[in-house]
Protein backbone atom coordinates (compact mmCIF):
# COMPACT_ATOMS: atom_id res chain seq x y z
CA MET A 1 -4.45 51.64 -56.51
CA VAL A 2 -2.90 51.65 -60.09
CA ALA A 3 -0.13 49.41 -58.80
CA TRP A 4 -2.78 46.69 -57.62
CA GLN A 5 -5.18 47.09 -60.49
CA PRO A 6 -3.13 44.75 -62.98
CA LEU A 7 -3.20 41.96 -60.46
CA LEU A 8 -7.03 42.39 -59.56
CA ASP A 9 -7.40 42.11 -63.56
CA GLU A 10 -5.81 38.65 -63.57
CA PRO A 11 -8.11 35.82 -64.24
CA ALA A 12 -6.18 33.47 -61.60
CA VAL A 13 -6.92 35.81 -58.93
CA ILE A 14 -10.53 36.55 -59.80
CA ALA A 15 -10.98 33.00 -59.85
CA ALA A 16 -9.93 32.62 -56.46
CA ALA A 17 -12.09 35.23 -55.15
CA VAL A 18 -15.12 33.50 -56.93
CA LEU A 19 -13.93 30.08 -55.27
CA ALA A 20 -13.43 31.64 -51.95
CA LEU A 21 -16.72 33.46 -52.10
CA GLY A 22 -18.53 30.33 -53.43
CA LEU A 23 -17.32 28.31 -50.24
CA VAL A 24 -18.24 30.81 -47.81
CA VAL A 25 -21.86 30.97 -49.52
CA GLY A 26 -22.07 27.74 -49.76
CA TYR A 27 -21.54 26.79 -46.03
CA LEU A 28 -23.71 29.38 -45.06
CA VAL A 29 -26.64 27.96 -47.49
CA GLY A 30 -25.79 24.61 -46.12
CA ARG A 31 -26.33 26.01 -42.27
CA LEU A 32 -29.41 28.10 -42.95
CA ASN A 33 -30.86 24.97 -44.99
CA GLU A 34 -30.24 22.62 -41.65
CA GLU A 35 -31.76 25.05 -39.58
CA LEU A 36 -34.71 25.74 -41.66
CA LEU A 37 -35.39 22.04 -42.15
CA SER A 38 -35.08 21.21 -38.19
CA ALA A 39 -37.48 24.16 -37.39
CA SER A 40 -39.97 22.79 -40.22
CA GLY A 41 -40.09 19.46 -38.25
CA VAL A 42 -38.11 17.43 -40.91
CA PRO A 43 -36.28 15.29 -38.14
CA GLU A 44 -39.55 14.07 -36.50
CA THR A 45 -41.08 13.23 -39.67
CA VAL A 46 -38.34 10.82 -41.05
CA GLU A 47 -37.65 9.56 -37.52
CA GLY A 48 -37.67 5.90 -37.57
CA THR A 49 -37.14 5.14 -41.23
CA PRO A 50 -34.31 2.90 -42.54
CA PHE A 51 -33.04 5.83 -44.39
CA GLU A 52 -32.71 7.75 -41.28
CA ARG A 53 -31.14 4.92 -39.25
CA THR A 54 -28.72 3.99 -42.14
CA ALA A 55 -27.68 7.93 -41.88
CA GLN A 56 -27.35 8.07 -38.24
CA SER A 57 -25.24 4.68 -38.49
CA ILE A 58 -22.69 6.49 -40.36
CA GLY A 59 -22.64 9.54 -38.10
CA THR A 60 -25.18 11.85 -40.17
CA SER A 61 -28.91 12.51 -40.69
CA THR A 62 -31.36 13.04 -43.40
CA VAL A 63 -31.59 16.72 -42.58
CA GLU A 64 -27.54 16.87 -42.73
CA ILE A 65 -27.50 15.04 -46.04
CA VAL A 66 -29.81 17.42 -47.92
CA ALA A 67 -28.38 20.46 -46.33
CA ARG A 68 -25.01 19.16 -47.43
CA LEU A 69 -26.52 18.48 -50.95
CA SER A 70 -27.08 22.17 -51.48
CA SER A 71 -23.83 23.43 -49.94
CA TRP A 72 -21.86 20.83 -52.39
CA PHE A 73 -24.18 22.14 -55.16
CA ILE A 74 -22.74 25.72 -54.56
CA TYR A 75 -19.61 24.51 -54.15
CA GLY A 76 -19.60 22.76 -57.54
CA ILE A 77 -20.73 25.87 -59.25
CA ALA A 78 -18.24 27.86 -57.65
CA VAL A 79 -15.28 25.45 -58.78
CA LEU A 80 -16.87 25.32 -62.37
CA THR A 81 -16.78 28.86 -62.49
CA ALA A 82 -13.41 29.48 -61.07
CA ILE A 83 -12.00 27.06 -63.97
CA HIS A 84 -14.08 28.79 -66.38
CA ILE A 85 -12.65 32.20 -65.06
CA ALA A 86 -9.20 31.20 -65.05
CA GLN A 87 -9.28 29.87 -68.56
CA LEU A 88 -8.28 26.42 -67.57
CA LEU A 89 -11.02 25.22 -70.02
CA ASP A 90 -11.87 27.53 -72.72
CA THR A 91 -14.48 25.19 -74.37
CA ASP A 92 -17.45 27.16 -74.25
CA ALA A 93 -19.53 24.11 -75.32
CA PHE A 94 -18.16 22.06 -72.17
CA TRP A 95 -18.98 25.01 -70.14
CA LEU A 96 -22.48 25.30 -71.46
CA ARG A 97 -23.11 21.31 -70.97
CA VAL A 98 -21.56 21.45 -67.67
CA THR A 99 -23.80 24.28 -66.32
CA GLU A 100 -27.03 22.54 -68.07
CA PHE A 101 -25.98 19.12 -66.23
CA ILE A 102 -25.12 20.02 -62.90
CA PRO A 103 -28.42 21.63 -61.65
CA GLN A 104 -30.21 18.65 -63.20
CA LEU A 105 -27.91 16.31 -61.59
CA PHE A 106 -28.43 18.47 -58.26
CA ILE A 107 -32.47 17.88 -58.65
CA ALA A 108 -31.89 14.18 -59.44
CA VAL A 109 -29.88 13.64 -56.27
CA LEU A 110 -32.75 15.21 -54.12
CA VAL A 111 -35.29 13.49 -55.90
CA LEU A 112 -33.61 10.28 -54.83
CA ILE A 113 -32.99 11.23 -50.84
CA LEU A 114 -36.86 12.36 -50.94
CA GLY A 115 -38.10 9.11 -52.57
CA PHE A 116 -36.08 7.07 -50.21
CA VAL A 117 -37.49 8.79 -47.33
CA ILE A 118 -40.88 9.11 -48.74
CA ALA A 119 -41.14 5.32 -49.47
CA ASP A 120 -39.39 4.35 -45.99
CA LYS A 121 -42.15 6.58 -44.49
CA SER A 122 -45.09 5.18 -46.50
CA GLU A 123 -43.91 1.58 -45.64
CA LEU A 124 -43.98 2.32 -42.13
CA VAL A 125 -47.25 4.46 -42.27
CA VAL A 126 -49.06 1.51 -44.44
CA GLY A 127 -47.65 -1.35 -42.15
CA GLU A 128 -48.94 0.54 -38.72
CA TYR A 129 -52.18 1.20 -40.42
CA LEU A 130 -52.45 -2.39 -41.28
CA ARG A 131 -50.95 -3.92 -38.20
CA GLY A 132 -54.24 -5.22 -37.04
CA VAL A 133 -55.57 -6.96 -39.90
CA LYS A 134 -54.92 -10.89 -39.35
CA LEU A 135 -54.95 -11.46 -43.15
CA PRO A 136 -51.97 -13.09 -44.63
CA GLU A 137 -51.94 -11.39 -47.65
CA VAL A 138 -51.79 -7.73 -45.93
CA SER A 139 -48.10 -8.32 -45.00
CA VAL A 140 -46.84 -7.41 -48.42
CA ILE A 141 -48.79 -4.34 -48.97
CA PRO A 142 -46.35 -2.13 -47.36
CA LYS A 143 -43.53 -3.44 -49.47
CA LEU A 144 -45.57 -3.02 -52.51
CA VAL A 145 -46.22 0.59 -51.52
CA LYS A 146 -42.43 1.25 -50.88
CA TYR A 147 -41.06 -0.40 -53.75
CA SER A 148 -43.83 1.21 -55.83
CA VAL A 149 -42.47 4.69 -54.80
CA LEU A 150 -39.01 3.91 -55.18
CA TYR A 151 -39.37 2.81 -58.93
CA VAL A 152 -41.26 6.16 -59.75
CA THR A 153 -38.78 7.94 -57.95
CA PHE A 154 -35.80 6.37 -59.94
CA ILE A 155 -37.82 7.02 -63.12
CA ILE A 156 -38.06 10.75 -62.04
CA ALA A 157 -34.50 11.00 -61.28
CA LEU A 158 -33.35 9.46 -64.39
CA GLY A 159 -35.57 11.55 -66.70
CA GLN A 160 -33.77 14.78 -64.72
CA VAL A 161 -30.45 13.77 -65.80
CA GLY A 162 -31.36 12.90 -69.55
CA VAL A 163 -32.12 9.55 -69.79
CA HIS A 164 -34.96 8.26 -71.91
CA VAL A 165 -37.41 6.57 -69.69
CA LEU A 166 -40.16 5.76 -72.11
CA ALA A 167 -39.56 1.73 -71.50
CA LEU A 168 -39.37 2.20 -68.02
CA LEU A 169 -42.68 4.22 -68.04
CA ILE A 170 -44.20 1.19 -70.25
CA LEU A 171 -42.86 -1.15 -67.74
CA LEU A 172 -44.48 1.03 -65.07
CA THR A 173 -47.87 0.89 -66.75
CA VAL A 174 -47.40 -2.96 -67.21
CA TYR A 175 -46.58 -3.05 -63.52
CA ALA A 176 -49.64 -1.24 -62.33
CA VAL A 177 -52.03 -3.20 -64.34
CA GLY A 178 -50.21 -6.24 -63.04
CA VAL A 179 -50.67 -5.21 -59.48
CA VAL A 180 -54.17 -4.53 -60.03
CA ILE A 181 -55.11 -8.09 -61.78
CA VAL A 182 -52.93 -10.14 -59.31
CA GLY A 183 -54.12 -7.91 -56.38
CA THR A 184 -57.67 -8.63 -57.02
CA VAL A 185 -56.89 -12.34 -57.38
CA ALA A 186 -54.44 -12.60 -54.45
CA PHE A 187 -56.55 -10.17 -52.19
CA LYS A 188 -59.84 -11.36 -52.68
CA ASP A 189 -60.55 -11.82 -48.88
CA PHE A 190 -59.01 -8.63 -48.14
CA LEU A 191 -60.81 -6.78 -50.53
CA VAL A 192 -64.22 -8.66 -49.37
CA SER A 193 -63.37 -7.89 -45.80
CA SER A 194 -62.77 -4.05 -46.62
CA ALA A 195 -66.08 -3.91 -48.68
CA ALA A 196 -67.97 -5.49 -45.50
CA GLY A 197 -66.19 -3.00 -43.27
CA ILE A 198 -67.28 -0.34 -45.22
CA TYR A 199 -70.99 -1.74 -44.95
CA LEU A 200 -70.54 -2.37 -41.14
CA LEU A 201 -69.40 1.57 -40.47
CA LEU A 202 -72.02 3.03 -42.51
CA ASN A 203 -74.74 0.72 -41.05
CA GLN A 204 -73.55 0.13 -37.60
CA PRO A 205 -75.64 -2.93 -36.94
CA TYR A 206 -73.30 -3.15 -33.75
CA GLY A 207 -71.03 -0.73 -31.93
CA ILE A 208 -68.14 -0.58 -29.11
CA GLY A 209 -69.40 -2.11 -25.94
CA ASP A 210 -72.15 -4.45 -27.67
CA GLU A 211 -72.41 -8.17 -26.69
CA ILE A 212 -72.41 -9.92 -30.05
CA ARG A 213 -72.00 -13.49 -31.44
CA VAL A 214 -70.17 -14.15 -34.73
CA ASP A 215 -70.48 -17.87 -35.74
CA ASP A 216 -69.26 -19.52 -32.19
CA GLN A 217 -67.52 -16.73 -30.85
CA THR A 218 -69.01 -14.32 -28.53
CA GLY A 219 -67.87 -11.15 -26.45
CA ILE A 220 -68.22 -7.58 -26.08
CA VAL A 221 -66.95 -5.38 -29.17
CA GLN A 222 -63.73 -3.52 -28.37
CA GLU A 223 -63.04 -2.26 -32.06
CA VAL A 224 -64.58 -1.73 -35.20
CA ASP A 225 -62.41 -0.80 -38.45
CA LEU A 226 -62.42 -1.25 -42.17
CA PHE A 227 -60.97 -4.65 -41.97
CA VAL A 228 -61.72 -6.53 -38.67
CA THR A 229 -63.87 -6.61 -35.79
CA LYS A 230 -62.39 -6.96 -32.26
CA ILE A 231 -64.63 -8.88 -29.50
CA GLU A 232 -63.52 -10.52 -26.35
CA ASP A 233 -65.00 -12.34 -23.45
CA ASP A 234 -63.81 -12.62 -19.89
CA SER A 235 -60.58 -15.01 -21.22
CA GLU A 236 -59.87 -14.52 -25.00
CA GLU A 237 -59.93 -11.78 -27.68
CA TYR A 238 -61.16 -12.73 -30.92
CA ILE A 239 -60.14 -10.77 -34.28
CA VAL A 240 -62.76 -11.38 -36.65
CA PRO A 241 -62.37 -10.58 -40.35
CA ASN A 242 -65.48 -8.48 -41.55
CA ARG A 243 -65.89 -10.87 -44.13
CA LYS A 244 -66.65 -13.53 -41.80
CA VAL A 245 -69.20 -11.05 -39.91
CA PHE A 246 -70.96 -10.37 -43.40
CA GLU A 247 -71.04 -14.04 -44.65
CA ASP A 248 -71.85 -15.61 -41.26
CA GLY A 249 -74.08 -12.73 -39.88
CA VAL A 250 -74.09 -11.56 -36.40
CA VAL A 251 -76.06 -11.89 -33.25
CA ARG A 252 -76.51 -8.82 -30.96
CA MET A 253 -77.21 -10.18 -27.29
CA ARG A 254 -79.48 -8.34 -25.41
CA ASP A 255 -79.35 -7.91 -21.53
């Protein structure tokens, strides 16, 4: 034991041991995170998003990227610790800055990945919800939601790595005010239709299965949602904006 003691006290040996331990721990943590994310249903949640499709096109997945990110974080800590122990860099100030920056960088990258996934998923969900709305202005809403989420994501990520984001926050405020003003003007018909839809859903002047006439369109009510009323006759289906129902009035046919 005495013969081995000088060797065990060598910084290079200790550094090598720390590096090896870090590689093992990093690999195990990555595998554990991958199993936990898979068990919690994350693959099903991100399925179909552009980020997931891009990840699959290069032979990986969102779950694997997040799991590997946790492994790389531990690998990085292990390498920096080994360098410090081996005294390859004996500048304490440098080591302090690095140990402060690495966790911030890890969180920033994780925020970016989650932000892209949430933005893609939000676009899909909003697009699916508005799919039946036959108003031309509606098509830009999913993209607007996606890029709004991405903008906030970049602000959070940049803030994590110490970038001053006050100017970006001011731009975000201006952007939000602009969206409200422009949206109110551009989506006037959309807002009117949704307000009319709320009225129709609350008062229910007609329901599914009723035969109604709106202007010159007559048919059986198939669906009523926040934005449109769907009616059909023997040969045609009409998708009527609730604004039109509210403005033109509705006639409920009786047998």
